[in-house]
Amino acid sequence: MKVYELLTVFKPNLDPEEVDKHVDKLNDLIVEFGGKLNSADKIGRKKLAYEINKFRDGFFVNLTLSIPAGKIAEFRRQLKLNDNILRSMLLEATKKVCV
């Protein structure tokens, strides 16, 4: 399984408890696809660089997860179907090399 970093921007009108519930749903989705959530970092509410769907700020959450490479396309599709996520960015995590 490959390791990925997922940055999600949730709608700012959600309570922190609701954001926690959505992160738990993402964790359930990751487990359903045969992966696991390695870490979750709730960055908090931040101002956006530009307006998205008439929102000027959003609640940022950074997730580190392991998921099979064959399931990534469906996982991204499921992220787009979630109405509470304004934007998401999924990147393959690279190993840090010390020189």
PDB file of N, CA and C in Angstrom:
ATOM      1  N   MET A   1       0.839  -1.184   0.000  1.00  0.00           N
ATOM      2  CA  MET A   1       0.000   0.000   0.000  1.00  0.00           C
ATOM      3  C   MET A   1       0.880   1.242   0.000  1.00  0.00           C
ATOM      4  N   LYS A   2       0.438   2.240  -0.727  1.00  0.00           N
ATOM      5  CA  LYS A   2       1.153   3.503  -0.777  1.00  0.00           C
ATOM      6  C   LYS A   2       0.625   4.439   0.303  1.00  0.00           C
ATOM      7  N   VAL A   3       1.473   5.370   0.700  1.00  0.00           N
ATOM      8  CA  VAL A   3       1.101   6.363   1.704  1.00  0.00           C
ATOM      9  C   VAL A   3       0.759   7.660   0.985  1.00  0.00           C
ATOM     10  N   TYR A   4      -0.369   8.252   1.360  1.00  0.00           N
ATOM     11  CA  TYR A   4      -0.853   9.477   0.745  1.00  0.00           C
ATOM     12  C   TYR A   4      -1.133  10.515   1.824  1.00  0.00           C
ATOM     13  N   GLU A   5      -1.067  11.784   1.406  1.00  0.00           N
ATOM     14  CA  GLU A   5      -1.488  12.889   2.256  1.00  0.00           C
ATOM     15  C   GLU A   5      -2.718  13.505   1.608  1.00  0.00           C
ATOM     16  N   LEU A   6      -3.739  13.706   2.419  1.00  0.00           N
ATOM     17  CA  LEU A   6      -4.995  14.269   1.936  1.00  0.00           C
ATOM     18  C   LEU A   6      -5.275  15.551   2.710  1.00  0.00           C
ATOM     19  N   LEU A   7      -5.337  16.665   1.985  1.00  0.00           N
ATOM     20  CA  LEU A   7      -5.714  17.940   2.578  1.00  0.00           C
ATOM     21  C   LEU A   7      -7.138  18.230   2.151  1.00  0.00           C
ATOM     22  N   THR A   8      -8.021  18.384   3.121  1.00  0.00           N
ATOM     23  CA  THR A   8      -9.425  18.661   2.829  1.00  0.00           C
ATOM     24  C   THR A   8      -9.798  20.004   3.427  1.00  0.00           C
ATOM     25  N   VAL A   9     -10.643  20.728   2.716  1.00  0.00           N
ATOM     26  CA  VAL A   9     -11.186  21.992   3.196  1.00  0.00           C
ATOM     27  C   VAL A   9     -12.688  21.794   3.336  1.00  0.00           C
ATOM     28  N   PHE A  10     -13.146  21.813   4.583  1.00  0.00           N
ATOM     29  CA  PHE A  10     -14.566  21.647   4.862  1.00  0.00           C
ATOM     30  C   PHE A  10     -15.248  23.007   4.909  1.00  0.00           C
ATOM     31  N   LYS A  11     -16.554  23.016   4.725  1.00  0.00           N
ATOM     32  CA  LYS A  11     -17.327  24.251   4.788  1.00  0.00           C
ATOM     33  C   LYS A  11     -17.158  24.886   6.174  1.00  0.00           C
ATOM     34  N   PRO A  12     -17.074  26.204   6.245  1.00  0.00           N
ATOM     35  CA  PRO A  12     -16.840  26.861   7.534  1.00  0.00           C
ATOM     36  C   PRO A  12     -18.068  26.901   8.438  1.00  0.00           C
ATOM     37  N   ASN A  13     -19.239  26.611   7.906  1.00  0.00           N
ATOM     38  CA  ASN A  13     -20.439  26.656   8.732  1.00  0.00           C
ATOM     39  C   ASN A  13     -20.647  25.372   9.546  1.00  0.00           C
ATOM     40  N   LEU A  14     -19.703  24.434   9.476  1.00  0.00           N
ATOM     41  CA  LEU A  14     -19.789  23.208  10.271  1.00  0.00           C
ATOM     42  C   LEU A  14     -19.197  23.436  11.658  1.00  0.00           C
ATOM     43  N   ASP A  15     -19.812  22.825  12.658  1.00  0.00           N
ATOM     44  CA  ASP A  15     -19.255  22.853  14.008  1.00  0.00           C
ATOM     45  C   ASP A  15     -18.040  21.942  14.063  1.00  0.00           C
ATOM     46  N   PRO A  16     -17.108  22.170  15.019  1.00  0.00           N
ATOM     47  CA  PRO A  16     -15.960  21.262  15.150  1.00  0.00           C
ATOM     48  C   PRO A  16     -16.374  19.804  15.379  1.00  0.00           C
ATOM     49  N   GLU A  17     -17.496  19.591  16.071  1.00  0.00           N
ATOM     50  CA  GLU A  17     -17.984  18.222  16.290  1.00  0.00           C
ATOM     51  C   GLU A  17     -18.429  17.597  14.975  1.00  0.00           C
ATOM     52  N   GLU A  18     -19.057  18.401  14.120  1.00  0.00           N
ATOM     53  CA  GLU A  18     -19.489  17.893  12.820  1.00  0.00           C
ATOM     54  C   GLU A  18     -18.285  17.570  11.933  1.00  0.00           C
ATOM     55  N   VAL A  19     -17.234  18.387  12.021  1.00  0.00           N
ATOM     56  CA  VAL A  19     -16.018  18.112  11.262  1.00  0.00           C
ATOM     57  C   VAL A  19     -15.413  16.799  11.738  1.00  0.00           C
ATOM     58  N   ASP A  20     -15.428  16.563  13.067  1.00  0.00           N
ATOM     59  CA  ASP A  20     -14.929  15.295  13.608  1.00  0.00           C
ATOM     60  C   ASP A  20     -15.721  14.116  13.055  1.00  0.00           C
ATOM     61  N   LYS A  21     -17.032  14.276  12.945  1.00  0.00           N
ATOM     62  CA  LYS A  21     -17.876  13.210  12.393  1.00  0.00           C
ATOM     63  C   LYS A  21     -17.522  12.933  10.932  1.00  0.00           C
ATOM     64  N   HIS A  22     -17.263  13.999  10.171  1.00  0.00           N
ATOM     65  CA  HIS A  22     -16.908  13.817   8.761  1.00  0.00           C
ATOM     66  C   HIS A  22     -15.533  13.180   8.618  1.00  0.00           C
ATOM     67  N   VAL A  23     -14.607  13.495   9.523  1.00  0.00           N
ATOM     68  CA  VAL A  23     -13.297  12.844   9.504  1.00  0.00           C
ATOM     69  C   VAL A  23     -13.457  11.366   9.834  1.00  0.00           C
ATOM     70  N   ASP A  24     -14.345  11.045  10.777  1.00  0.00           N
ATOM     71  CA  ASP A  24     -14.618   9.642  11.098  1.00  0.00           C
ATOM     72  C   ASP A  24     -15.225   8.917   9.893  1.00  0.00           C
ATOM     73  N   LYS A  25     -16.102   9.600   9.150  1.00  0.00           N
ATOM     74  CA  LYS A  25     -16.681   8.993   7.942  1.00  0.00           C
ATOM     75  C   LYS A  25     -15.606   8.745   6.888  1.00  0.00           C
ATOM     76  N   LEU A  26     -14.655   9.693   6.772  1.00  0.00           N
ATOM     77  CA  LEU A  26     -13.540   9.482   5.850  1.00  0.00           C
ATOM     78  C   LEU A  26     -12.705   8.283   6.284  1.00  0.00           C
ATOM     79  N   ASN A  27     -12.506   8.143   7.598  1.00  0.00           N
ATOM     80  CA  ASN A  27     -11.764   6.989   8.121  1.00  0.00           C
ATOM     81  C   ASN A  27     -12.495   5.696   7.779  1.00  0.00           C
ATOM     82  N   ASP A  28     -13.809   5.672   7.936  1.00  0.00           N
ATOM     83  CA  ASP A  28     -14.588   4.485   7.584  1.00  0.00           C
ATOM     84  C   ASP A  28     -14.466   4.166   6.091  1.00  0.00           C
ATOM     85  N   LEU A  29     -14.461   5.206   5.262  1.00  0.00           N
ATOM     86  CA  LEU A  29     -14.319   5.018   3.822  1.00  0.00           C
ATOM     87  C   LEU A  29     -12.946   4.446   3.478  1.00  0.00           C
ATOM     88  N   ILE A  30     -11.915   4.940   4.153  1.00  0.00           N
ATOM     89  CA  ILE A  30     -10.555   4.440   3.923  1.00  0.00           C
ATOM     90  C   ILE A  30     -10.467   2.968   4.306  1.00  0.00           C
ATOM     91  N   VAL A  31     -11.044   2.601   5.447  1.00  0.00           N
ATOM     92  CA  VAL A  31     -11.035   1.204   5.894  1.00  0.00           C
ATOM     93  C   VAL A  31     -11.837   0.333   4.937  1.00  0.00           C
ATOM     94  N   GLU A  32     -12.937   0.877   4.416  1.00  0.00           N
ATOM     95  CA  GLU A  32     -13.763   0.135   3.456  1.00  0.00           C
ATOM     96  C   GLU A  32     -12.977  -0.200   2.187  1.00  0.00           C
ATOM     97  N   PHE A  33     -12.078   0.687   1.793  1.00  0.00           N
ATOM     98  CA  PHE A  33     -11.245   0.453   0.615  1.00  0.00           C
ATOM     99  C   PHE A  33      -9.990  -0.360   0.930  1.00  0.00           C
ATOM    100  N   GLY A  34      -9.867  -0.857   2.142  1.00  0.00           N
ATOM    101  CA  GLY A  34      -8.746  -1.707   2.496  1.00  0.00           C
ATOM    102  C   GLY A  34      -7.515  -0.966   2.967  1.00  0.00           C
ATOM    103  N   GLY A  35      -7.667   0.276   3.372  1.00  0.00           N
ATOM    104  CA  GLY A  35      -6.536   1.070   3.839  1.00  0.00           C
ATOM    105  C   GLY A  35      -6.646   1.370   5.319  1.00  0.00           C
ATOM    106  N   LYS A  36      -5.804   2.305   5.777  1.00  0.00           N
ATOM    107  CA  LYS A  36      -5.882   2.724   7.174  1.00  0.00           C
ATOM    108  C   LYS A  36      -5.460   4.177   7.282  1.00  0.00           C
ATOM    109  N   LEU A  37      -6.014   4.854   8.282  1.00  0.00           N
ATOM    110  CA  LEU A  37      -5.694   6.247   8.553  1.00  0.00           C
ATOM    111  C   LEU A  37      -4.509   6.272   9.501  1.00  0.00           C
ATOM    112  N   ASN A  38      -3.398   6.874   9.066  1.00  0.00           N
ATOM    113  CA  ASN A  38      -2.200   6.923   9.892  1.00  0.00           C
ATOM    114  C   ASN A  38      -2.236   8.079  10.882  1.00  0.00           C
ATOM    115  N   SER A  39      -2.657   9.251  10.431  1.00  0.00           N
ATOM    116  CA  SER A  39      -2.747  10.400  11.342  1.00  0.00           C
ATOM    117  C   SER A  39      -3.741  11.406  10.790  1.00  0.00           C
ATOM    118  N   ALA A  40      -4.290  12.199  11.697  1.00  0.00           N
ATOM    119  CA  ALA A  40      -5.223  13.258  11.329  1.00  0.00           C
ATOM    120  C   ALA A  40      -4.819  14.517  12.071  1.00  0.00           C
ATOM    121  N   ASP A  41      -4.599  15.582  11.327  1.00  0.00           N
ATOM    122  CA  ASP A  41      -4.200  16.861  11.902  1.00  0.00           C
ATOM    123  C   ASP A  41      -5.258  17.888  11.545  1.00  0.00           C
ATOM    124  N   LYS A  42      -6.021  18.308  12.545  1.00  0.00           N
ATOM    125  CA  LYS A  42      -7.048  19.326  12.325  1.00  0.00           C
ATOM    126  C   LYS A  42      -6.395  20.690  12.458  1.00  0.00           C
ATOM    127  N   ILE A  43      -6.139  21.319  11.327  1.00  0.00           N
ATOM    128  CA  ILE A  43      -5.433  22.595  11.300  1.00  0.00           C
ATOM    129  C   ILE A  43      -6.327  23.713  11.825  1.00  0.00           C
ATOM    130  N   GLY A  44      -7.597  23.662  11.508  1.00  0.00           N
ATOM    131  CA  GLY A  44      -8.534  24.664  11.993  1.00  0.00           C
ATOM    132  C   GLY A  44      -9.087  25.527  10.868  1.00  0.00           C
ATOM    133  N   ARG A  45      -9.758  26.573  11.286  1.00  0.00           N
ATOM    134  CA  ARG A  45     -10.413  27.462  10.328  1.00  0.00           C
ATOM    135  C   ARG A  45      -9.407  28.498   9.833  1.00  0.00           C
ATOM    136  N   LYS A  46      -9.318  28.627   8.509  1.00  0.00           N
ATOM    137  CA  LYS A  46      -8.385  29.564   7.884  1.00  0.00           C
ATOM    138  C   LYS A  46      -9.072  30.287   6.731  1.00  0.00           C
ATOM    139  N   LYS A  47      -8.548  31.463   6.424  1.00  0.00           N
ATOM    140  CA  LYS A  47      -9.064  32.242   5.313  1.00  0.00           C
ATOM    141  C   LYS A  47      -8.556  31.642   4.002  1.00  0.00           C
ATOM    142  N   LEU A  48      -9.434  31.587   3.008  1.00  0.00           N
ATOM    143  CA  LEU A  48      -9.074  31.064   1.693  1.00  0.00           C
ATOM    144  C   LEU A  48      -8.457  32.168   0.840  1.00  0.00           C
ATOM    145  N   ALA A  49      -7.646  31.797  -0.118  1.00  0.00           N
ATOM    146  CA  ALA A  49      -7.027  32.765  -1.013  1.00  0.00           C
ATOM    147  C   ALA A  49      -8.057  33.389  -1.955  1.00  0.00           C
ATOM    148  N   TYR A  50      -9.095  32.633  -2.264  1.00  0.00           N
ATOM    149  CA  TYR A  50     -10.156  33.132  -3.122  1.00  0.00           C
ATOM    150  C   TYR A  50     -11.464  32.482  -2.694  1.00  0.00           C
ATOM    151  N   GLU A  51     -12.556  33.063  -3.116  1.00  0.00           N
ATOM    152  CA  GLU A  51     -13.875  32.596  -2.720  1.00  0.00           C
ATOM    153  C   GLU A  51     -14.217  31.280  -3.416  1.00  0.00           C
ATOM    154  N   ILE A  52     -14.713  30.309  -2.642  1.00  0.00           N
ATOM    155  CA  ILE A  52     -15.162  29.023  -3.174  1.00  0.00           C
ATOM    156  C   ILE A  52     -16.601  28.825  -2.731  1.00  0.00           C
ATOM    157  N   ASN A  53     -17.499  28.718  -3.677  1.00  0.00           N
ATOM    158  CA  ASN A  53     -18.932  28.528  -3.392  1.00  0.00           C
ATOM    159  C   ASN A  53     -19.457  29.559  -2.401  1.00  0.00           C
ATOM    160  N   LYS A  54     -19.023  30.803  -2.567  1.00  0.00           N
ATOM    161  CA  LYS A  54     -19.423  31.948  -1.733  1.00  0.00           C
ATOM    162  C   LYS A  54     -18.914  31.852  -0.295  1.00  0.00           C
ATOM    163  N   PHE A  55     -17.909  31.028  -0.042  1.00  0.00           N
ATOM    164  CA  PHE A  55     -17.259  30.950   1.266  1.00  0.00           C
ATOM    165  C   PHE A  55     -15.887  31.602   1.178  1.00  0.00           C
ATOM    166  N   ARG A  56     -15.537  32.406   2.171  1.00  0.00           N
ATOM    167  CA  ARG A  56     -14.243  33.077   2.207  1.00  0.00           C
ATOM    168  C   ARG A  56     -13.242  32.370   3.118  1.00  0.00           C
ATOM    169  N   ASP A  57     -13.708  31.407   3.919  1.00  0.00           N
ATOM    170  CA  ASP A  57     -12.807  30.639   4.775  1.00  0.00           C
ATOM    171  C   ASP A  57     -13.293  29.199   4.841  1.00  0.00           C
ATOM    172  N   GLY A  58     -12.465  28.336   5.420  1.00  0.00           N
ATOM    173  CA  GLY A  58     -12.803  26.925   5.500  1.00  0.00           C
ATOM    174  C   GLY A  58     -12.075  26.257   6.654  1.00  0.00           C
ATOM    175  N   PHE A  59     -12.508  25.068   6.998  1.00  0.00           N
ATOM    176  CA  PHE A  59     -11.903  24.292   8.073  1.00  0.00           C
ATOM    177  C   PHE A  59     -10.969  23.264   7.436  1.00  0.00           C
ATOM    178  N   PHE A  60      -9.680  23.395   7.701  1.00  0.00           N
ATOM    179  CA  PHE A  60      -8.656  22.567   7.064  1.00  0.00           C
ATOM    180  C   PHE A  60      -8.332  21.347   7.918  1.00  0.00           C
ATOM    181  N   VAL A  61      -8.236  20.187   7.281  1.00  0.00           N
ATOM    182  CA  VAL A  61      -7.845  18.937   7.940  1.00  0.00           C
ATOM    183  C   VAL A  61      -6.845  18.231   7.036  1.00  0.00           C
ATOM    184  N   ASN A  62      -5.709  17.830   7.615  1.00  0.00           N
ATOM    185  CA  ASN A  62      -4.669  17.121   6.874  1.00  0.00           C
ATOM    186  C   ASN A  62      -4.629  15.677   7.375  1.00  0.00           C
ATOM    187  N   LEU A  63      -4.823  14.724   6.481  1.00  0.00           N
ATOM    188  CA  LEU A  63      -4.830  13.305   6.826  1.00  0.00           C
ATOM    189  C   LEU A  63      -3.661  12.597   6.144  1.00  0.00           C
ATOM    190  N   THR A  64      -3.038  11.690   6.860  1.00  0.00           N
ATOM    191  CA  THR A  64      -2.036  10.803   6.275  1.00  0.00           C
ATOM    192  C   THR A  64      -2.645   9.411   6.289  1.00  0.00           C
ATOM    193  N   LEU A  65      -2.698   8.776   5.123  1.00  0.00           N
ATOM    194  CA  LEU A  65      -3.386   7.494   5.026  1.00  0.00           C
ATOM    195  C   LEU A  65      -2.623   6.542   4.130  1.00  0.00           C
ATOM    196  N   SER A  66      -2.880   5.273   4.329  1.00  0.00           N
ATOM    197  CA  SER A  66      -2.349   4.213   3.467  1.00  0.00           C
ATOM    198  C   SER A  66      -3.539   3.546   2.807  1.00  0.00           C
ATOM    199  N   ILE A  67      -3.463   3.419   1.489  1.00  0.00           N
ATOM    200  CA  ILE A  67      -4.575   2.833   0.747  1.00  0.00           C
ATOM    201  C   ILE A  67      -4.003   2.158  -0.499  1.00  0.00           C
ATOM    202  N   PRO A  68      -4.591   1.062  -0.947  1.00  0.00           N
ATOM    203  CA  PRO A  68      -4.101   0.423  -2.173  1.00  0.00           C
ATOM    204  C   PRO A  68      -4.216   1.369  -3.372  1.00  0.00           C
ATOM    205  N   ALA A  69      -3.220   1.347  -4.234  1.00  0.00           N
ATOM    206  CA  ALA A  69      -3.167   2.259  -5.375  1.00  0.00           C
ATOM    207  C   ALA A  69      -4.346   2.064  -6.329  1.00  0.00           C
ATOM    208  N   GLY A  70      -4.875   0.865  -6.419  1.00  0.00           N
ATOM    209  CA  GLY A  70      -5.991   0.593  -7.312  1.00  0.00           C
ATOM    210  C   GLY A  70      -7.309   1.196  -6.856  1.00  0.00           C
ATOM    211  N   LYS A  71      -7.388   1.616  -5.615  1.00  0.00           N
ATOM    212  CA  LYS A  71      -8.628   2.166  -5.063  1.00  0.00           C
ATOM    213  C   LYS A  71      -8.651   3.694  -5.058  1.00  0.00           C
ATOM    214  N   ILE A  72      -7.581   4.338  -5.507  1.00  0.00           N
ATOM    215  CA  ILE A  72      -7.470   5.794  -5.419  1.00  0.00           C
ATOM    216  C   ILE A  72      -8.510   6.512  -6.267  1.00  0.00           C
ATOM    217  N   ALA A  73      -8.772   6.045  -7.462  1.00  0.00           N
ATOM    218  CA  ALA A  73      -9.735   6.711  -8.346  1.00  0.00           C
ATOM    219  C   ALA A  73     -11.122   6.735  -7.707  1.00  0.00           C
ATOM    220  N   GLU A  74     -11.546   5.621  -7.148  1.00  0.00           N
ATOM    221  CA  GLU A  74     -12.860   5.570  -6.496  1.00  0.00           C
ATOM    222  C   GLU A  74     -12.880   6.410  -5.226  1.00  0.00           C
ATOM    223  N   PHE A  75     -11.769   6.438  -4.492  1.00  0.00           N
ATOM    224  CA  PHE A  75     -11.683   7.258  -3.279  1.00  0.00           C
ATOM    225  C   PHE A  75     -11.816   8.744  -3.628  1.00  0.00           C
ATOM    226  N   ARG A  76     -11.150   9.179  -4.688  1.00  0.00           N
ATOM    227  CA  ARG A  76     -11.264  10.578  -5.116  1.00  0.00           C
ATOM    228  C   ARG A  76     -12.687  10.897  -5.555  1.00  0.00           C
ATOM    229  N   ARG A  77     -13.334   9.947  -6.208  1.00  0.00           N
ATOM    230  CA  ARG A  77     -14.724  10.158  -6.633  1.00  0.00           C
ATOM    231  C   ARG A  77     -15.637  10.337  -5.428  1.00  0.00           C
ATOM    232  N   GLN A  78     -15.416   9.523  -4.397  1.00  0.00           N
ATOM    233  CA  GLN A  78     -16.213   9.638  -3.173  1.00  0.00           C
ATOM    234  C   GLN A  78     -15.982  10.981  -2.477  1.00  0.00           C
ATOM    235  N   LEU A  79     -14.750  11.493  -2.540  1.00  0.00           N
ATOM    236  CA  LEU A  79     -14.472  12.807  -1.952  1.00  0.00           C
ATOM    237  C   LEU A  79     -15.249  13.902  -2.675  1.00  0.00           C
ATOM    238  N   LYS A  80     -15.338  13.814  -3.993  1.00  0.00           N
ATOM    239  CA  LYS A  80     -16.060  14.819  -4.768  1.00  0.00           C
ATOM    240  C   LYS A  80     -17.560  14.770  -4.510  1.00  0.00           C
ATOM    241  N   LEU A  81     -18.075  13.606  -4.125  1.00  0.00           N
ATOM    242  CA  LEU A  81     -19.506  13.465  -3.868  1.00  0.00           C
ATOM    243  C   LEU A  81     -19.922  14.052  -2.522  1.00  0.00           C
ATOM    244  N   ASN A  82     -18.967  14.284  -1.625  1.00  0.00           N
ATOM    245  CA  ASN A  82     -19.264  14.827  -0.303  1.00  0.00           C
ATOM    246  C   ASN A  82     -19.529  16.328  -0.430  1.00  0.00           C
ATOM    247  N   ASP A  83     -20.749  16.759  -0.097  1.00  0.00           N
ATOM    248  CA  ASP A  83     -21.135  18.158  -0.247  1.00  0.00           C
ATOM    249  C   ASP A  83     -20.479  19.071   0.783  1.00  0.00           C
ATOM    250  N   ASN A  84     -19.993  18.537   1.892  1.00  0.00           N
ATOM    251  CA  ASN A  84     -19.395  19.356   2.941  1.00  0.00           C
ATOM    252  C   ASN A  84     -17.918  19.647   2.705  1.00  0.00           C
ATOM    253  N   ILE A  85     -17.319  19.034   1.693  1.00  0.00           N
ATOM    254  CA  ILE A  85     -15.922  19.288   1.363  1.00  0.00           C
ATOM    255  C   ILE A  85     -15.874  20.295   0.219  1.00  0.00           C
ATOM    256  N   LEU A  86     -15.253  21.456   0.482  1.00  0.00           N
ATOM    257  CA  LEU A  86     -15.109  22.466  -0.565  1.00  0.00           C
ATOM    258  C   LEU A  86     -14.032  22.067  -1.567  1.00  0.00           C
ATOM    259  N   ARG A  87     -12.876  21.663  -1.066  1.00  0.00           N
ATOM    260  CA  ARG A  87     -11.759  21.240  -1.903  1.00  0.00           C
ATOM    261  C   ARG A  87     -11.008  20.112  -1.211  1.00  0.00           C
ATOM    262  N   SER A  88     -10.347  19.291  -2.016  1.00  0.00           N
ATOM    263  CA  SER A  88      -9.477  18.250  -1.462  1.00  0.00           C
ATOM    264  C   SER A  88      -8.281  18.086  -2.395  1.00  0.00           C
ATOM    265  N   MET A  89      -7.163  17.734  -1.811  1.00  0.00           N
ATOM    266  CA  MET A  89      -5.953  17.498  -2.586  1.00  0.00           C
ATOM    267  C   MET A  89      -5.295  16.240  -2.028  1.00  0.00           C
ATOM    268  N   LEU A  90      -5.126  15.248  -2.885  1.00  0.00           N
ATOM    269  CA  LEU A  90      -4.535  13.972  -2.502  1.00  0.00           C
ATOM    270  C   LEU A  90      -3.196  13.830  -3.204  1.00  0.00           C
ATOM    271  N   LEU A  91      -2.144  13.691  -2.402  1.00  0.00           N
ATOM    272  CA  LEU A  91      -0.789  13.569  -2.931  1.00  0.00           C
ATOM    273  C   LEU A  91      -0.135  12.325  -2.373  1.00  0.00           C
ATOM    274  N   GLU A  92       0.702  11.709  -3.198  1.00  0.00           N
ATOM    275  CA  GLU A  92       1.491  10.586  -2.714  1.00  0.00           C
ATOM    276  C   GLU A  92       2.618  11.131  -1.830  1.00  0.00           C
ATOM    277  N   ALA A  93       2.721  10.601  -0.627  1.00  0.00           N
ATOM    278  CA  ALA A  93       3.747  11.056   0.303  1.00  0.00           C
ATOM    279  C   ALA A  93       5.093  10.519  -0.119  1.00  0.00           C
ATOM    280  N   THR A  94       6.107  11.347  -0.060  1.00  0.00           N
ATOM    281  CA  THR A  94       7.453  10.944  -0.405  1.00  0.00           C
ATOM    282  C   THR A  94       8.259  10.721   0.857  1.00  0.00           C
ATOM    283  N   LYS A  95       9.236   9.864   0.758  1.00  0.00           N
ATOM    284  CA  LYS A  95      10.114   9.620   1.888  1.00  0.00           C
ATOM    285  C   LYS A  95      11.148  10.733   1.948  1.00  0.00           C
ATOM    286  N   LYS A  96      11.362  11.261   3.149  1.00  0.00           N
ATOM    287  CA  LYS A  96      12.351  12.306   3.322  1.00  0.00           C
ATOM    288  C   LYS A  96      13.744  11.690   3.381  1.00  0.00           C
ATOM    289  N   VAL A  97      14.622  12.258   2.620  1.00  0.00           N
ATOM    290  CA  VAL A  97      15.995  11.746   2.549  1.00  0.00           C
ATOM    291  C   VAL A  97      16.905  12.761   3.230  1.00  0.00           C
ATOM    292  N   CYS A  98      17.669  12.307   4.201  1.00  0.00           N
ATOM    293  CA  CYS A  98      18.627  13.176   4.894  1.00  0.00           C
ATOM    294  C   CYS A  98      19.964  13.087   4.165  1.00  0.00           C
ATOM    295  N   VAL A  99      20.522  14.215   3.864  1.00  0.00           N
ATOM    296  CA  VAL A  99      21.813  14.246   3.162  1.00  0.00           C
ATOM    297  C   VAL A  99      22.897  14.656   4.110  1.00  0.00           C
TER     298      VAL A  99
END
